[in-house]
């Protein structure tokens, strides 16, 4: 077990509660954008969440009427996700580079984990083969050049790409009015891109 895997195993019991200062608000905003950015998702659509952790996102997607399937490489995380979600959603152990769902899904998501792809372009091609509507993931523009990532998506056949700044902080709980202002700023163009030079991420939705 790698040091990182061991860390995830130790933190599985309270991952969502400790990873986010305000887990419900943060994940609800993420779930809203998963459903609406790019091609829209409809109630009953299935979302495959690769590197799902303890399944905290699944509760928020289910609240929107979406079906959820989680996959994570850490057995302890999978056990916690199964405990959290019960019979509302299947969750399995699997590597995001290799996992194939039993049938095509409407959307595939990958959060805080795109850097685990052994070959990014090959990973996009792999996901595109079983994803009917869109792939959604977060992208740190200070780690990867967005133009390079978009080029890999288009090479994989996912040539319709939407990038949306995500300016709600993960580790700081914002008062409701400040959180609303941050979400409004996400649509501000130059101001949002300026903020991304120092902090925050893009949410990317890619489809055919």
C-alpha atoms as a PDB file:
ATOM      1  CA  UNK A   1       0.000   0.000   0.000  1.00  0.00           C
ATOM      2  CA  UNK A   2       1.384   3.418  -0.940  1.00  0.00           C
ATOM      3  CA  UNK A   3       1.630   6.213   1.623  1.00  0.00           C
ATOM      4  CA  UNK A   4      -1.220   8.016  -0.143  1.00  0.00           C
ATOM      5  CA  UNK A   5      -3.420   4.912  -0.126  1.00  0.00           C
ATOM      6  CA  UNK A   6      -2.692   4.415   3.542  1.00  0.00           C
ATOM      7  CA  UNK A   7      -3.708   7.994   4.246  1.00  0.00           C
ATOM      8  CA  UNK A   8      -7.024   7.501   2.439  1.00  0.00           C
ATOM      9  CA  UNK A   9      -7.636   4.268   4.327  1.00  0.00           C
ATOM     10  CA  UNK A  10      -7.081   5.972   7.682  1.00  0.00           C
ATOM     11  CA  UNK A  11      -9.326   8.915   6.803  1.00  0.00           C
ATOM     12  CA  UNK A  12     -12.187   6.924   5.266  1.00  0.00           C
ATOM     13  CA  UNK A  13     -14.405   7.051   8.349  1.00  0.00           C
ATOM     14  CA  UNK A  14     -14.917  10.811   8.256  1.00  0.00           C
ATOM     15  CA  UNK A  15     -13.537  11.842   4.873  1.00  0.00           C
ATOM     16  CA  UNK A  16     -16.391  14.076   3.695  1.00  0.00           C
ATOM     17  CA  UNK A  17     -16.851  15.695   7.078  1.00  0.00           C
ATOM     18  CA  UNK A  18     -13.162  16.631   7.410  1.00  0.00           C
ATOM     19  CA  UNK A  19     -12.191  17.289   3.774  1.00  0.00           C
ATOM     20  CA  UNK A  20     -14.728  20.108   3.380  1.00  0.00           C
ATOM     21  CA  UNK A  21     -15.419  22.994   5.730  1.00  0.00           C
ATOM     22  CA  UNK A  22     -19.072  22.985   4.619  1.00  0.00           C
ATOM     23  CA  UNK A  23     -19.541  19.651   2.855  1.00  0.00           C
ATOM     24  CA  UNK A  24     -23.231  20.058   2.061  1.00  0.00           C
ATOM     25  CA  UNK A  25     -22.885  23.502   0.451  1.00  0.00           C
ATOM     26  CA  UNK A  26     -19.709  22.617  -1.439  1.00  0.00           C
ATOM     27  CA  UNK A  27     -20.955  19.287  -2.793  1.00  0.00           C
ATOM     28  CA  UNK A  28     -24.414  20.680  -3.585  1.00  0.00           C
ATOM     29  CA  UNK A  29     -22.798  23.323  -5.814  1.00  0.00           C
ATOM     30  CA  UNK A  30     -20.689  20.627  -7.450  1.00  0.00           C
ATOM     31  CA  UNK A  31     -23.781  18.465  -7.993  1.00  0.00           C
ATOM     32  CA  UNK A  32     -25.668  21.398  -9.544  1.00  0.00           C
ATOM     33  CA  UNK A  33     -22.891  21.964 -12.073  1.00  0.00           C
ATOM     34  CA  UNK A  34     -22.571  18.254 -12.823  1.00  0.00           C
ATOM     35  CA  UNK A  35     -26.240  18.280 -13.763  1.00  0.00           C
ATOM     36  CA  UNK A  36     -26.292  21.554 -15.711  1.00  0.00           C
ATOM     37  CA  UNK A  37     -22.873  22.343 -17.209  1.00  0.00           C
ATOM     38  CA  UNK A  38     -22.696  21.343 -20.851  1.00  0.00           C
ATOM     39  CA  UNK A  39     -25.258  18.688 -21.783  1.00  0.00           C
ATOM     40  CA  UNK A  40     -27.955  18.644 -19.101  1.00  0.00           C
ATOM     41  CA  UNK A  41     -28.724  15.554 -17.053  1.00  0.00           C
ATOM     42  CA  UNK A  42     -32.277  14.397 -16.453  1.00  0.00           C
ATOM     43  CA  UNK A  43     -33.797  12.585 -13.454  1.00  0.00           C
ATOM     44  CA  UNK A  44     -33.002   8.900 -13.805  1.00  0.00           C
ATOM     45  CA  UNK A  45     -29.704   9.460 -15.615  1.00  0.00           C
ATOM     46  CA  UNK A  46     -26.845   7.458 -14.112  1.00  0.00           C
ATOM     47  CA  UNK A  47     -23.635   9.136 -12.952  1.00  0.00           C
ATOM     48  CA  UNK A  48     -20.477   7.067 -12.531  1.00  0.00           C
ATOM     49  CA  UNK A  49     -18.235   8.704  -9.923  1.00  0.00           C
ATOM     50  CA  UNK A  50     -14.644   7.492 -10.334  1.00  0.00           C
ATOM     51  CA  UNK A  51     -12.430   7.978  -7.253  1.00  0.00           C
ATOM     52  CA  UNK A  52     -15.652   8.457  -5.304  1.00  0.00           C
ATOM     53  CA  UNK A  53     -14.111   8.427  -1.834  1.00  0.00           C
ATOM     54  CA  UNK A  54     -16.756   7.841   0.808  1.00  0.00           C
ATOM     55  CA  UNK A  55     -19.625   8.604  -1.566  1.00  0.00           C
ATOM     56  CA  UNK A  56     -20.506  12.007  -0.124  1.00  0.00           C
ATOM     57  CA  UNK A  57     -21.293  13.380  -3.585  1.00  0.00           C
ATOM     58  CA  UNK A  58     -23.726  10.529  -4.175  1.00  0.00           C
ATOM     59  CA  UNK A  59     -26.183  11.871  -1.611  1.00  0.00           C
ATOM     60  CA  UNK A  60     -26.364  15.245  -3.349  1.00  0.00           C
ATOM     61  CA  UNK A  61     -26.742  13.734  -6.830  1.00  0.00           C
ATOM     62  CA  UNK A  62     -29.466  11.380  -5.578  1.00  0.00           C
ATOM     63  CA  UNK A  63     -31.296  14.403  -4.199  1.00  0.00           C
ATOM     64  CA  UNK A  64     -31.518  15.667  -7.792  1.00  0.00           C
ATOM     65  CA  UNK A  65     -33.111  12.398  -8.931  1.00  0.00           C
ATOM     66  CA  UNK A  66     -29.942  11.045 -10.536  1.00  0.00           C
ATOM     67  CA  UNK A  67     -28.762   7.461 -10.156  1.00  0.00           C
ATOM     68  CA  UNK A  68     -25.294   7.072  -8.704  1.00  0.00           C
ATOM     69  CA  UNK A  69     -22.547   4.472  -9.072  1.00  0.00           C
ATOM     70  CA  UNK A  70     -19.318   4.893  -7.128  1.00  0.00           C
ATOM     71  CA  UNK A  71     -15.879   3.385  -7.695  1.00  0.00           C
ATOM     72  CA  UNK A  72     -12.757   3.880  -5.607  1.00  0.00           C
ATOM     73  CA  UNK A  73      -9.380   2.153  -5.400  1.00  0.00           C
ATOM     74  CA  UNK A  74      -9.309   2.213  -1.577  1.00  0.00           C
ATOM     75  CA  UNK A  75     -11.372  -0.616  -0.027  1.00  0.00           C
ATOM     76  CA  UNK A  76     -11.896   1.348   3.188  1.00  0.00           C
ATOM     77  CA  UNK A  77     -13.396   4.244   1.235  1.00  0.00           C
ATOM     78  CA  UNK A  78     -15.679   1.848  -0.623  1.00  0.00           C
ATOM     79  CA  UNK A  79     -16.838   0.299   2.648  1.00  0.00           C
ATOM     80  CA  UNK A  80     -17.637   3.761   4.027  1.00  0.00           C
ATOM     81  CA  UNK A  81     -19.489   4.722   0.832  1.00  0.00           C
ATOM     82  CA  UNK A  82     -21.524   1.512   1.041  1.00  0.00           C
ATOM     83  CA  UNK A  83     -22.373   2.333   4.650  1.00  0.00           C
ATOM     84  CA  UNK A  84     -23.323   5.907   3.741  1.00  0.00           C
ATOM     85  CA  UNK A  85     -25.429   5.074   0.683  1.00  0.00           C
ATOM     86  CA  UNK A  86     -26.815   1.659   1.627  1.00  0.00           C
ATOM     87  CA  UNK A  87     -29.002   0.160  -1.060  1.00  0.00           C
ATOM     88  CA  UNK A  88     -29.486   3.532  -2.783  1.00  0.00           C
ATOM     89  CA  UNK A  89     -26.391   3.097  -4.962  1.00  0.00           C
ATOM     90  CA  UNK A  90     -23.827   0.443  -5.957  1.00  0.00           C
ATOM     91  CA  UNK A  91     -20.223   1.131  -4.950  1.00  0.00           C
ATOM     92  CA  UNK A  92     -17.256  -1.034  -5.949  1.00  0.00           C
ATOM     93  CA  UNK A  93     -13.488  -1.236  -5.632  1.00  0.00           C
ATOM     94  CA  UNK A  94     -11.763  -0.338  -8.881  1.00  0.00           C
ATOM     95  CA  UNK A  95      -9.000   1.675 -10.529  1.00  0.00           C
ATOM     96  CA  UNK A  96     -10.213   4.666 -12.539  1.00  0.00           C
ATOM     97  CA  UNK A  97      -7.835   3.746 -15.372  1.00  0.00           C
ATOM     98  CA  UNK A  98      -9.392   0.318 -15.893  1.00  0.00           C
ATOM     99  CA  UNK A  99     -12.931   0.251 -14.528  1.00  0.00           C
ATOM    100  CA  UNK A 100     -15.772  -0.320 -16.986  1.00  0.00           C
ATOM    101  CA  UNK A 101     -19.384  -0.102 -15.746  1.00  0.00           C
ATOM    102  CA  UNK A 102     -21.754  -2.993 -16.481  1.00  0.00           C
ATOM    103  CA  UNK A 103     -23.654  -0.777 -18.928  1.00  0.00           C
ATOM    104  CA  UNK A 104     -23.125   2.714 -20.406  1.00  0.00           C
ATOM    105  CA  UNK A 105     -23.714   5.677 -18.097  1.00  0.00           C
ATOM    106  CA  UNK A 106     -25.030   9.148 -18.852  1.00  0.00           C
ATOM    107  CA  UNK A 107     -22.128  10.920 -17.151  1.00  0.00           C
ATOM    108  CA  UNK A 108     -18.784  10.090 -15.614  1.00  0.00           C
ATOM    109  CA  UNK A 109     -17.214  12.287 -12.940  1.00  0.00           C
ATOM    110  CA  UNK A 110     -13.661  12.434 -11.585  1.00  0.00           C
ATOM    111  CA  UNK A 111     -12.865  14.854  -8.773  1.00  0.00           C
ATOM    112  CA  UNK A 112      -9.546  15.531  -7.077  1.00  0.00           C
ATOM    113  CA  UNK A 113      -8.145  12.551  -8.972  1.00  0.00           C
ATOM    114  CA  UNK A 114      -7.486  13.317 -12.636  1.00  0.00           C
ATOM    115  CA  UNK A 115      -3.754  13.207 -11.842  1.00  0.00           C
ATOM    116  CA  UNK A 116      -4.145   9.465 -11.135  1.00  0.00           C
ATOM    117  CA  UNK A 117      -4.687   8.833 -14.848  1.00  0.00           C
ATOM    118  CA  UNK A 118      -1.637   6.927 -16.094  1.00  0.00           C
ATOM    119  CA  UNK A 119      -2.050   8.507 -19.535  1.00  0.00           C
ATOM    120  CA  UNK A 120      -4.515  11.378 -19.656  1.00  0.00           C
ATOM    121  CA  UNK A 121      -5.516  11.069 -23.299  1.00  0.00           C
ATOM    122  CA  UNK A 122      -5.906   7.296 -23.022  1.00  0.00           C
ATOM    123  CA  UNK A 123      -8.007   7.789 -19.897  1.00  0.00           C
ATOM    124  CA  UNK A 124     -10.317  10.192 -21.736  1.00  0.00           C
ATOM    125  CA  UNK A 125     -10.684   7.677 -24.580  1.00  0.00           C
ATOM    126  CA  UNK A 126     -11.439   4.926 -22.052  1.00  0.00           C
ATOM    127  CA  UNK A 127     -14.174   6.967 -20.362  1.00  0.00           C
ATOM    128  CA  UNK A 128     -15.644   8.175 -23.657  1.00  0.00           C
ATOM    129  CA  UNK A 129     -16.286   4.567 -24.673  1.00  0.00           C
ATOM    130  CA  UNK A 130     -18.955   4.068 -21.985  1.00  0.00           C
ATOM    131  CA  UNK A 131     -20.161   7.633 -21.310  1.00  0.00           C
ATOM    132  CA  UNK A 132     -23.197   8.708 -23.308  1.00  0.00           C
ATOM    133  CA  UNK A 133     -23.552  12.395 -22.401  1.00  0.00           C
ATOM    134  CA  UNK A 134     -20.493  13.907 -20.737  1.00  0.00           C
ATOM    135  CA  UNK A 135     -17.367  13.603 -18.639  1.00  0.00           C
ATOM    136  CA  UNK A 136     -17.131  16.088 -15.756  1.00  0.00           C
ATOM    137  CA  UNK A 137     -13.991  16.723 -13.708  1.00  0.00           C
ATOM    138  CA  UNK A 138     -12.111  19.435 -11.856  1.00  0.00           C
ATOM    139  CA  UNK A 139      -8.966  21.005 -13.275  1.00  0.00           C
ATOM    140  CA  UNK A 140      -6.325  23.018 -11.453  1.00  0.00           C
ATOM    141  CA  UNK A 141      -4.996  25.471 -14.087  1.00  0.00           C
ATOM    142  CA  UNK A 142      -1.833  26.016 -12.059  1.00  0.00           C
ATOM    143  CA  UNK A 143      -1.064  22.292 -12.351  1.00  0.00           C
ATOM    144  CA  UNK A 144      -2.132  21.598 -15.944  1.00  0.00           C
ATOM    145  CA  UNK A 145      -2.499  23.974 -18.869  1.00  0.00           C
ATOM    146  CA  UNK A 146      -6.201  24.019 -19.805  1.00  0.00           C
ATOM    147  CA  UNK A 147      -5.304  24.168 -23.508  1.00  0.00           C
ATOM    148  CA  UNK A 148      -3.359  20.900 -23.193  1.00  0.00           C
ATOM    149  CA  UNK A 149      -6.230  19.176 -21.391  1.00  0.00           C
ATOM    150  CA  UNK A 150      -8.765  20.420 -23.954  1.00  0.00           C
ATOM    151  CA  UNK A 151      -6.528  19.109 -26.749  1.00  0.00           C
ATOM    152  CA  UNK A 152      -6.485  15.665 -25.112  1.00  0.00           C
ATOM    153  CA  UNK A 153     -10.269  15.716 -24.725  1.00  0.00           C
ATOM    154  CA  UNK A 154     -10.789  16.581 -28.377  1.00  0.00           C
ATOM    155  CA  UNK A 155      -8.332  13.899 -29.460  1.00  0.00           C
ATOM    156  CA  UNK A 156     -10.467  11.432 -27.492  1.00  0.00           C
ATOM    157  CA  UNK A 157     -13.576  12.523 -29.409  1.00  0.00           C
ATOM    158  CA  UNK A 158     -14.935  14.782 -26.647  1.00  0.00           C
ATOM    159  CA  UNK A 159     -14.810  17.950 -28.693  1.00  0.00           C
ATOM    160  CA  UNK A 160     -17.538  19.958 -26.961  1.00  0.00           C
ATOM    161  CA  UNK A 161     -15.799  21.368 -23.890  1.00  0.00           C
ATOM    162  CA  UNK A 162     -17.145  23.782 -21.273  1.00  0.00           C
ATOM    163  CA  UNK A 163     -14.912  25.222 -18.541  1.00  0.00           C
ATOM    164  CA  UNK A 164     -16.576  26.876 -15.569  1.00  0.00           C
ATOM    165  CA  UNK A 165     -14.589  28.500 -12.737  1.00  0.00           C
ATOM    166  CA  UNK A 166     -15.476  26.944  -9.374  1.00  0.00           C
ATOM    167  CA  UNK A 167     -14.821  29.614  -6.757  1.00  0.00           C
ATOM    168  CA  UNK A 168     -16.413  28.133  -3.646  1.00  0.00           C
ATOM    169  CA  UNK A 169     -13.526  27.233  -1.301  1.00  0.00           C
ATOM    170  CA  UNK A 170     -13.168  23.696  -0.021  1.00  0.00           C
ATOM    171  CA  UNK A 171     -11.587  24.437   3.349  1.00  0.00           C
ATOM    172  CA  UNK A 172     -13.425  27.649   4.343  1.00  0.00           C
ATOM    173  CA  UNK A 173     -17.138  27.784   5.210  1.00  0.00           C
ATOM    174  CA  UNK A 174     -18.613  30.942   3.678  1.00  0.00           C
ATOM    175  CA  UNK A 175     -21.666  32.806   4.976  1.00  0.00           C
ATOM    176  CA  UNK A 176     -24.580  32.258   2.596  1.00  0.00           C
ATOM    177  CA  UNK A 177     -24.446  35.757   1.098  1.00  0.00           C
ATOM    178  CA  UNK A 178     -20.690  35.459   0.461  1.00  0.00           C
ATOM    179  CA  UNK A 179     -21.111  32.007  -1.085  1.00  0.00           C
ATOM    180  CA  UNK A 180     -23.804  33.397  -3.397  1.00  0.00           C
ATOM    181  CA  UNK A 181     -21.441  36.205  -4.418  1.00  0.00           C
ATOM    182  CA  UNK A 182     -18.671  33.684  -5.139  1.00  0.00           C
ATOM    183  CA  UNK A 183     -20.998  31.657  -7.371  1.00  0.00           C
ATOM    184  CA  UNK A 184     -22.035  34.813  -9.213  1.00  0.00           C
ATOM    185  CA  UNK A 185     -18.354  35.692  -9.687  1.00  0.00           C
ATOM    186  CA  UNK A 186     -17.849  32.332 -11.427  1.00  0.00           C
ATOM    187  CA  UNK A 187     -19.746  33.796 -14.403  1.00  0.00           C
ATOM    188  CA  UNK A 188     -17.787  37.060 -14.437  1.00  0.00           C
ATOM    189  CA  UNK A 189     -15.200  36.124 -17.065  1.00  0.00           C
ATOM    190  CA  UNK A 190     -11.983  38.123 -16.509  1.00  0.00           C
ATOM    191  CA  UNK A 191     -12.432  38.446 -12.740  1.00  0.00           C
ATOM    192  CA  UNK A 192     -12.956  34.705 -12.360  1.00  0.00           C
ATOM    193  CA  UNK A 193      -9.907  33.934 -14.499  1.00  0.00           C
ATOM    194  CA  UNK A 194      -7.866  36.324 -12.378  1.00  0.00           C
ATOM    195  CA  UNK A 195      -8.905  34.447  -9.228  1.00  0.00           C
ATOM    196  CA  UNK A 196      -7.855  31.172 -10.866  1.00  0.00           C
ATOM    197  CA  UNK A 197      -4.303  32.446 -11.217  1.00  0.00           C
ATOM    198  CA  UNK A 198      -3.935  32.172  -7.453  1.00  0.00           C
ATOM    199  CA  UNK A 199      -6.497  29.648  -6.202  1.00  0.00           C
ATOM    200  CA  UNK A 200      -9.550  27.553  -7.099  1.00  0.00           C
ATOM    201  CA  UNK A 201     -10.235  25.241 -10.030  1.00  0.00           C
ATOM    202  CA  UNK A 202     -12.227  24.869 -13.207  1.00  0.00           C
ATOM    203  CA  UNK A 203     -15.094  22.453 -13.545  1.00  0.00           C
ATOM    204  CA  UNK A 204     -14.853  20.877 -16.998  1.00  0.00           C
ATOM    205  CA  UNK A 205     -17.711  19.221 -18.889  1.00  0.00           C
ATOM    206  CA  UNK A 206     -16.761  17.434 -22.117  1.00  0.00           C
ATOM    207  CA  UNK A 207     -19.061  15.700 -24.589  1.00  0.00           C
ATOM    208  CA  UNK A 208     -19.254  14.672 -28.226  1.00  0.00           C
END
